[in-house]
Amino acid sequence: MEARDLVLKMYRENEERYDLSAFEKGQMFARWLEAGVYASQRELSGAIGLGEAAAAKYLAVAGLPVKFSRRSATSA
């Protein structure tokens, strides 16, 4: 099984089981891009069935300072 197949399987399982925060999703997507699983944000968003704008927002949230992201996750 290829890395892409594995990360997509993991993503789908997590989406069904857990209410992942925007920060957690963004971190996951950023790791995939950094690891070269997907070459671009466009490729990643197509694979997971999200629009490019939504993927960009998740990645932007993941780039926020940890203190802010924890605070926003608990206030939701």
PDB file of N, CA and C in Angstrom:
ATOM      1  N   MET A   1       0.851  -1.180   0.000  1.00  0.00           N
ATOM      2  CA  MET A   1       0.000   0.000   0.000  1.00  0.00           C
ATOM      3  C   MET A   1       0.896   1.243   0.000  1.00  0.00           C
ATOM      4  N   GLU A   2       0.564   2.220  -0.807  1.00  0.00           N
ATOM      5  CA  GLU A   2       1.350   3.450  -0.899  1.00  0.00           C
ATOM      6  C   GLU A   2       1.034   4.398   0.261  1.00  0.00           C
ATOM      7  N   ALA A   3       1.940   5.339   0.482  1.00  0.00           N
ATOM      8  CA  ALA A   3       1.767   6.311   1.566  1.00  0.00           C
ATOM      9  C   ALA A   3       0.463   7.082   1.405  1.00  0.00           C
ATOM     10  N   ARG A   4       0.119   7.435   0.183  1.00  0.00           N
ATOM     11  CA  ARG A   4      -1.130   8.185  -0.037  1.00  0.00           C
ATOM     12  C   ARG A   4      -2.346   7.375   0.387  1.00  0.00           C
ATOM     13  N   ASP A   5      -2.339   6.113   0.053  1.00  0.00           N
ATOM     14  CA  ASP A   5      -3.455   5.250   0.443  1.00  0.00           C
ATOM     15  C   ASP A   5      -3.570   5.167   1.960  1.00  0.00           C
ATOM     16  N   LEU A   6      -2.427   5.069   2.617  1.00  0.00           N
ATOM     17  CA  LEU A   6      -2.429   4.955   4.081  1.00  0.00           C
ATOM     18  C   LEU A   6      -2.919   6.231   4.754  1.00  0.00           C
ATOM     19  N   VAL A   7      -2.451   7.387   4.294  1.00  0.00           N
ATOM     20  CA  VAL A   7      -2.876   8.631   4.943  1.00  0.00           C
ATOM     21  C   VAL A   7      -4.347   8.905   4.668  1.00  0.00           C
ATOM     22  N   LEU A   8      -4.834   8.551   3.493  1.00  0.00           N
ATOM     23  CA  LEU A   8      -6.255   8.743   3.208  1.00  0.00           C
ATOM     24  C   LEU A   8      -7.120   7.826   4.070  1.00  0.00           C
ATOM     25  N   LYS A   9      -6.664   6.602   4.246  1.00  0.00           N
ATOM     26  CA  LYS A   9      -7.394   5.665   5.109  1.00  0.00           C
ATOM     27  C   LYS A   9      -7.433   6.198   6.540  1.00  0.00           C
ATOM     28  N   MET A  10      -6.290   6.675   7.030  1.00  0.00           N
ATOM     29  CA  MET A  10      -6.211   7.233   8.371  1.00  0.00           C
ATOM     30  C   MET A  10      -7.127   8.456   8.502  1.00  0.00           C
ATOM     31  N   TYR A  11      -7.090   9.325   7.502  1.00  0.00           N
ATOM     32  CA  TYR A  11      -7.915  10.533   7.526  1.00  0.00           C
ATOM     33  C   TYR A  11      -9.398  10.175   7.605  1.00  0.00           C
ATOM     34  N   ARG A  12      -9.824   9.266   6.772  1.00  0.00           N
ATOM     35  CA  ARG A  12     -11.244   8.876   6.757  1.00  0.00           C
ATOM     36  C   ARG A  12     -11.668   8.227   8.068  1.00  0.00           C
ATOM     37  N   GLU A  13     -10.816   7.374   8.611  1.00  0.00           N
ATOM     38  CA  GLU A  13     -11.131   6.745   9.895  1.00  0.00           C
ATOM     39  C   GLU A  13     -11.231   7.780  11.008  1.00  0.00           C
ATOM     40  N   ASN A  14     -10.307   8.724  11.028  1.00  0.00           N
ATOM     41  CA  ASN A  14     -10.338   9.776  12.050  1.00  0.00           C
ATOM     42  C   ASN A  14     -11.558  10.667  11.896  1.00  0.00           C
ATOM     43  N   GLU A  15     -11.930  10.981  10.670  1.00  0.00           N
ATOM     44  CA  GLU A  15     -13.111  11.812  10.427  1.00  0.00           C
ATOM     45  C   GLU A  15     -14.376  11.132  10.941  1.00  0.00           C
ATOM     46  N   GLU A  16     -14.446   9.819  10.811  1.00  0.00           N
ATOM     47  CA  GLU A  16     -15.627   9.080  11.261  1.00  0.00           C
ATOM     48  C   GLU A  16     -15.670   8.919  12.778  1.00  0.00           C
ATOM     49  N   ARG A  17     -14.530   8.775  13.404  1.00  0.00           N
ATOM     50  CA  ARG A  17     -14.468   8.458  14.835  1.00  0.00           C
ATOM     51  C   ARG A  17     -14.342   9.671  15.742  1.00  0.00           C
ATOM     52  N   TYR A  18     -13.634  10.681  15.297  1.00  0.00           N
ATOM     53  CA  TYR A  18     -13.290  11.806  16.171  1.00  0.00           C
ATOM     54  C   TYR A  18     -13.734  13.118  15.565  1.00  0.00           C
ATOM     55  N   ASP A  19     -13.988  14.068  16.438  1.00  0.00           N
ATOM     56  CA  ASP A  19     -14.290  15.424  16.012  1.00  0.00           C
ATOM     57  C   ASP A  19     -12.969  16.194  16.029  1.00  0.00           C
ATOM     58  N   LEU A  20     -12.206  16.051  14.957  1.00  0.00           N
ATOM     59  CA  LEU A  20     -10.900  16.706  14.895  1.00  0.00           C
ATOM     60  C   LEU A  20     -11.067  18.220  14.805  1.00  0.00           C
ATOM     61  N   SER A  21     -10.222  18.923  15.522  1.00  0.00           N
ATOM     62  CA  SER A  21     -10.256  20.379  15.457  1.00  0.00           C
ATOM     63  C   SER A  21      -9.616  20.845  14.153  1.00  0.00           C
ATOM     64  N   ALA A  22      -9.865  22.088  13.805  1.00  0.00           N
ATOM     65  CA  ALA A  22      -9.255  22.663  12.610  1.00  0.00           C
ATOM     66  C   ALA A  22      -7.732  22.650  12.744  1.00  0.00           C
ATOM     67  N   PHE A  23      -7.237  22.879  13.956  1.00  0.00           N
ATOM     68  CA  PHE A  23      -5.795  22.863  14.198  1.00  0.00           C
ATOM     69  C   PHE A  23      -5.223  21.471  13.945  1.00  0.00           C
ATOM     70  N   GLU A  24      -5.896  20.430  14.440  1.00  0.00           N
ATOM     71  CA  GLU A  24      -5.422  19.057  14.252  1.00  0.00           C
ATOM     72  C   GLU A  24      -5.422  18.665  12.772  1.00  0.00           C
ATOM     73  N   LYS A  25      -6.484  19.036  12.070  1.00  0.00           N
ATOM     74  CA  LYS A  25      -6.535  18.747  10.634  1.00  0.00           C
ATOM     75  C   LYS A  25      -5.419  19.480   9.896  1.00  0.00           C
ATOM     76  N   GLY A  26      -5.240  20.737  10.233  1.00  0.00           N
ATOM     77  CA  GLY A  26      -4.191  21.523   9.584  1.00  0.00           C
ATOM     78  C   GLY A  26      -2.811  20.953   9.826  1.00  0.00           C
ATOM     79  N   GLN A  27      -2.548  20.518  11.051  1.00  0.00           N
ATOM     80  CA  GLN A  27      -1.258  19.899  11.356  1.00  0.00           C
ATOM     81  C   GLN A  27      -1.066  18.624  10.549  1.00  0.00           C
ATOM     82  N   MET A  28      -2.101  17.826  10.450  1.00  0.00           N
ATOM     83  CA  MET A  28      -2.029  16.576   9.701  1.00  0.00           C
ATOM     84  C   MET A  28      -1.740  16.878   8.225  1.00  0.00           C
ATOM     85  N   PHE A  29      -2.466  17.835   7.647  1.00  0.00           N
ATOM     86  CA  PHE A  29      -2.264  18.177   6.245  1.00  0.00           C
ATOM     87  C   PHE A  29      -0.856  18.731   6.019  1.00  0.00           C
ATOM     88  N   ALA A  30      -0.382  19.556   6.947  1.00  0.00           N
ATOM     89  CA  ALA A  30       0.961  20.124   6.821  1.00  0.00           C
ATOM     90  C   ALA A  30       2.028  19.033   6.862  1.00  0.00           C
ATOM     91  N   ARG A  31       1.851  18.043   7.732  1.00  0.00           N
ATOM     92  CA  ARG A  31       2.810  16.929   7.799  1.00  0.00           C
ATOM     93  C   ARG A  31       2.847  16.168   6.482  1.00  0.00           C
ATOM     94  N   TRP A  32       1.687  15.964   5.875  1.00  0.00           N
ATOM     95  CA  TRP A  32       1.636  15.253   4.598  1.00  0.00           C
ATOM     96  C   TRP A  32       2.390  16.028   3.522  1.00  0.00           C
ATOM     97  N   LEU A  33       2.214  17.344   3.505  1.00  0.00           N
ATOM     98  CA  LEU A  33       2.919  18.161   2.515  1.00  0.00           C
ATOM     99  C   LEU A  33       4.421  18.159   2.777  1.00  0.00           C
ATOM    100  N   GLU A  34       4.809  18.308   4.033  1.00  0.00           N
ATOM    101  CA  GLU A  34       6.232  18.318   4.391  1.00  0.00           C
ATOM    102  C   GLU A  34       6.901  16.987   4.073  1.00  0.00           C
ATOM    103  N   ALA A  35       6.175  15.891   4.241  1.00  0.00           N
ATOM    104  CA  ALA A  35       6.722  14.563   3.982  1.00  0.00           C
ATOM    105  C   ALA A  35       6.718  14.218   2.498  1.00  0.00           C
ATOM    106  N   GLY A  36       6.086  15.058   1.695  1.00  0.00           N
ATOM    107  CA  GLY A  36       6.047  14.807   0.257  1.00  0.00           C
ATOM    108  C   GLY A  36       4.987  13.802  -0.167  1.00  0.00           C
ATOM    109  N   VAL A  37       4.055  13.499   0.734  1.00  0.00           N
ATOM    110  CA  VAL A  37       2.959  12.589   0.370  1.00  0.00           C
ATOM    111  C   VAL A  37       2.145  13.227  -0.756  1.00  0.00           C
ATOM    112  N   TYR A  38       1.945  14.521  -0.658  1.00  0.00           N
ATOM    113  CA  TYR A  38       1.306  15.299  -1.720  1.00  0.00           C
ATOM    114  C   TYR A  38       2.253  16.428  -2.100  1.00  0.00           C
ATOM    115  N   ALA A  39       2.331  16.688  -3.380  1.00  0.00           N
ATOM    116  CA  ALA A  39       3.273  17.694  -3.881  1.00  0.00           C
ATOM    117  C   ALA A  39       2.761  19.116  -3.696  1.00  0.00           C
ATOM    118  N   SER A  40       1.450  19.272  -3.593  1.00  0.00           N
ATOM    119  CA  SER A  40       0.893  20.618  -3.479  1.00  0.00           C
ATOM    120  C   SER A  40      -0.404  20.603  -2.671  1.00  0.00           C
ATOM    121  N   GLN A  41      -0.784  21.779  -2.263  1.00  0.00           N
ATOM    122  CA  GLN A  41      -2.037  21.953  -1.545  1.00  0.00           C
ATOM    123  C   GLN A  41      -3.212  21.562  -2.449  1.00  0.00           C
ATOM    124  N   ARG A  42      -3.114  21.877  -3.711  1.00  0.00           N
ATOM    125  CA  ARG A  42      -4.169  21.535  -4.669  1.00  0.00           C
ATOM    126  C   ARG A  42      -4.335  20.015  -4.766  1.00  0.00           C
ATOM    127  N   GLU A  43      -3.231  19.319  -4.861  1.00  0.00           N
ATOM    128  CA  GLU A  43      -3.262  17.859  -4.940  1.00  0.00           C
ATOM    129  C   GLU A  43      -3.853  17.254  -3.664  1.00  0.00           C
ATOM    130  N   LEU A  44      -3.442  17.775  -2.521  1.00  0.00           N
ATOM    131  CA  LEU A  44      -3.960  17.303  -1.239  1.00  0.00           C
ATOM    132  C   LEU A  44      -5.460  17.529  -1.145  1.00  0.00           C
ATOM    133  N   SER A  45      -5.913  18.722  -1.459  1.00  0.00           N
ATOM    134  CA  SER A  45      -7.339  19.027  -1.330  1.00  0.00           C
ATOM    135  C   SER A  45      -8.179  18.167  -2.263  1.00  0.00           C
ATOM    136  N   GLY A  46      -7.681  17.883  -3.453  1.00  0.00           N
ATOM    137  CA  GLY A  46      -8.404  17.005  -4.368  1.00  0.00           C
ATOM    138  C   GLY A  46      -8.502  15.587  -3.835  1.00  0.00           C
ATOM    139  N   ALA A  47      -7.445  15.110  -3.217  1.00  0.00           N
ATOM    140  CA  ALA A  47      -7.420  13.744  -2.707  1.00  0.00           C
ATOM    141  C   ALA A  47      -8.393  13.541  -1.544  1.00  0.00           C
ATOM    142  N   ILE A  48      -8.524  14.550  -0.696  1.00  0.00           N
ATOM    143  CA  ILE A  48      -9.396  14.392   0.467  1.00  0.00           C
ATOM    144  C   ILE A  48     -10.797  14.927   0.232  1.00  0.00           C
ATOM    145  N   GLY A  49     -11.023  15.519  -0.939  1.00  0.00           N
ATOM    146  CA  GLY A  49     -12.356  15.989  -1.277  1.00  0.00           C
ATOM    147  C   GLY A  49     -12.732  17.321  -0.659  1.00  0.00           C
ATOM    148  N   LEU A  50     -11.737  18.132  -0.376  1.00  0.00           N
ATOM    149  CA  LEU A  50     -11.976  19.479   0.151  1.00  0.00           C
ATOM    150  C   LEU A  50     -11.654  20.497  -0.929  1.00  0.00           C
ATOM    151  N   GLY A  51     -12.291  21.629  -0.858  1.00  0.00           N
ATOM    152  CA  GLY A  51     -11.915  22.718  -1.742  1.00  0.00           C
ATOM    153  C   GLY A  51     -10.552  23.256  -1.343  1.00  0.00           C
ATOM    154  N   GLU A  52      -9.883  23.881  -2.287  1.00  0.00           N
ATOM    155  CA  GLU A  52      -8.558  24.437  -1.991  1.00  0.00           C
ATOM    156  C   GLU A  52      -8.610  25.496  -0.898  1.00  0.00           C
ATOM    157  N   ALA A  53      -9.672  26.293  -0.888  1.00  0.00           N
ATOM    158  CA  ALA A  53      -9.792  27.339   0.135  1.00  0.00           C
ATOM    159  C   ALA A  53      -9.912  26.729   1.524  1.00  0.00           C
ATOM    160  N   ALA A  54     -10.673  25.643   1.650  1.00  0.00           N
ATOM    161  CA  ALA A  54     -10.831  24.986   2.948  1.00  0.00           C
ATOM    162  C   ALA A  54      -9.502  24.403   3.410  1.00  0.00           C
ATOM    163  N   ALA A  55      -8.790  23.757   2.515  1.00  0.00           N
ATOM    164  CA  ALA A  55      -7.480  23.192   2.870  1.00  0.00           C
ATOM    165  C   ALA A  55      -6.528  24.306   3.297  1.00  0.00           C
ATOM    166  N   ALA A  56      -6.563  25.426   2.596  1.00  0.00           N
ATOM    167  CA  ALA A  56      -5.704  26.565   2.936  1.00  0.00           C
ATOM    168  C   ALA A  56      -6.027  27.096   4.334  1.00  0.00           C
ATOM    169  N   LYS A  57      -7.300  27.126   4.683  1.00  0.00           N
ATOM    170  CA  LYS A  57      -7.696  27.605   6.018  1.00  0.00           C
ATOM    171  C   LYS A  57      -7.187  26.668   7.107  1.00  0.00           C
ATOM    172  N   TYR A  58      -7.315  25.362   6.885  1.00  0.00           N
ATOM    173  CA  TYR A  58      -6.804  24.410   7.871  1.00  0.00           C
ATOM    174  C   TYR A  58      -5.296  24.568   8.038  1.00  0.00           C
ATOM    175  N   LEU A  59      -4.594  24.730   6.941  1.00  0.00           N
ATOM    176  CA  LEU A  59      -3.141  24.901   7.009  1.00  0.00           C
ATOM    177  C   LEU A  59      -2.772  26.210   7.699  1.00  0.00           C
ATOM    178  N   ALA A  60      -3.549  27.245   7.467  1.00  0.00           N
ATOM    179  CA  ALA A  60      -3.290  28.533   8.128  1.00  0.00           C
ATOM    180  C   ALA A  60      -3.499  28.416   9.632  1.00  0.00           C
ATOM    181  N   VAL A  61      -4.556  27.737  10.049  1.00  0.00           N
ATOM    182  CA  VAL A  61      -4.821  27.544  11.479  1.00  0.00           C
ATOM    183  C   VAL A  61      -3.672  26.764  12.120  1.00  0.00           C
ATOM    184  N   ALA A  62      -3.161  25.776  11.418  1.00  0.00           N
ATOM    185  CA  ALA A  62      -2.051  24.976  11.950  1.00  0.00           C
ATOM    186  C   ALA A  62      -0.793  25.819  12.137  1.00  0.00           C
ATOM    187  N   GLY A  63      -0.692  26.900  11.407  1.00  0.00           N
ATOM    188  CA  GLY A  63       0.470  27.772  11.519  1.00  0.00           C
ATOM    189  C   GLY A  63       0.376  28.793  12.640  1.00  0.00           C
ATOM    190  N   LEU A  64      -0.776  28.845  13.318  1.00  0.00           N
ATOM    191  CA  LEU A  64      -0.930  29.787  14.426  1.00  0.00           C
ATOM    192  C   LEU A  64      -0.094  29.339  15.620  1.00  0.00           C
ATOM    193  N   PRO A  65       0.284  30.270  16.481  1.00  0.00           N
ATOM    194  CA  PRO A  65       1.003  29.881  17.698  1.00  0.00           C
ATOM    195  C   PRO A  65       0.175  28.893  18.522  1.00  0.00           C
ATOM    196  N   VAL A  66       0.829  27.955  19.152  1.00  0.00           N
ATOM    197  CA  VAL A  66       0.152  26.896  19.905  1.00  0.00           C
ATOM    198  C   VAL A  66      -0.756  27.486  20.976  1.00  0.00           C
ATOM    199  N   LYS A  67      -0.325  28.514  21.672  1.00  0.00           N
ATOM    200  CA  LYS A  67      -1.121  29.121  22.733  1.00  0.00           C
ATOM    201  C   LYS A  67      -2.483  29.569  22.176  1.00  0.00           C
ATOM    202  N   PHE A  68      -2.484  30.211  21.023  1.00  0.00           N
ATOM    203  CA  PHE A  68      -3.729  30.673  20.432  1.00  0.00           C
ATOM    204  C   PHE A  68      -4.591  29.514  19.973  1.00  0.00           C
ATOM    205  N   SER A  69      -3.984  28.515  19.353  1.00  0.00           N
ATOM    206  CA  SER A  69      -4.766  27.402  18.817  1.00  0.00           C
ATOM    207  C   SER A  69      -5.421  26.600  19.937  1.00  0.00           C
ATOM    208  N   ARG A  70      -4.742  26.427  21.048  1.00  0.00           N
ATOM    209  CA  ARG A  70      -5.346  25.719  22.188  1.00  0.00           C
ATOM    210  C   ARG A  70      -6.512  26.504  22.747  1.00  0.00           C
ATOM    211  N   ARG A  71      -6.335  27.814  22.835  1.00  0.00           N
ATOM    212  CA  ARG A  71      -7.384  28.672  23.369  1.00  0.00           C
ATOM    213  C   ARG A  71      -8.624  28.634  22.484  1.00  0.00           C
ATOM    214  N   SER A  72      -8.439  28.684  21.154  1.00  0.00           N
ATOM    215  CA  SER A  72      -9.584  28.656  20.263  1.00  0.00           C
ATOM    216  C   SER A  72     -10.264  27.303  20.259  1.00  0.00           C
ATOM    217  N   ALA A  73      -9.516  26.230  20.461  1.00  0.00           N
ATOM    218  CA  ALA A  73     -10.099  24.881  20.496  1.00  0.00           C
ATOM    219  C   ALA A  73     -10.970  24.702  21.733  1.00  0.00           C
ATOM    220  N   THR A  74     -10.577  25.294  22.849  1.00  0.00           N
ATOM    221  CA  THR A  74     -11.356  25.118  24.074  1.00  0.00           C
ATOM    222  C   THR A  74     -12.558  26.052  24.117  1.00  0.00           C
ATOM    223  N   SER A  75     -12.539  27.123  23.351  1.00  0.00           N
ATOM    224  CA  SER A  75     -13.661  28.060  23.364  1.00  0.00           C
ATOM    225  C   SER A  75     -14.751  27.671  22.387  1.00  0.00           C
ATOM    226  N   ALA A  76     -14.522  26.637  21.580  1.00  0.00           N
ATOM    227  CA  ALA A  76     -15.518  26.225  20.574  1.00  0.00           C
ATOM    228  C   ALA A  76     -16.656  25.460  21.207  1.00  0.00           C
TER     229      ALA A  76
END
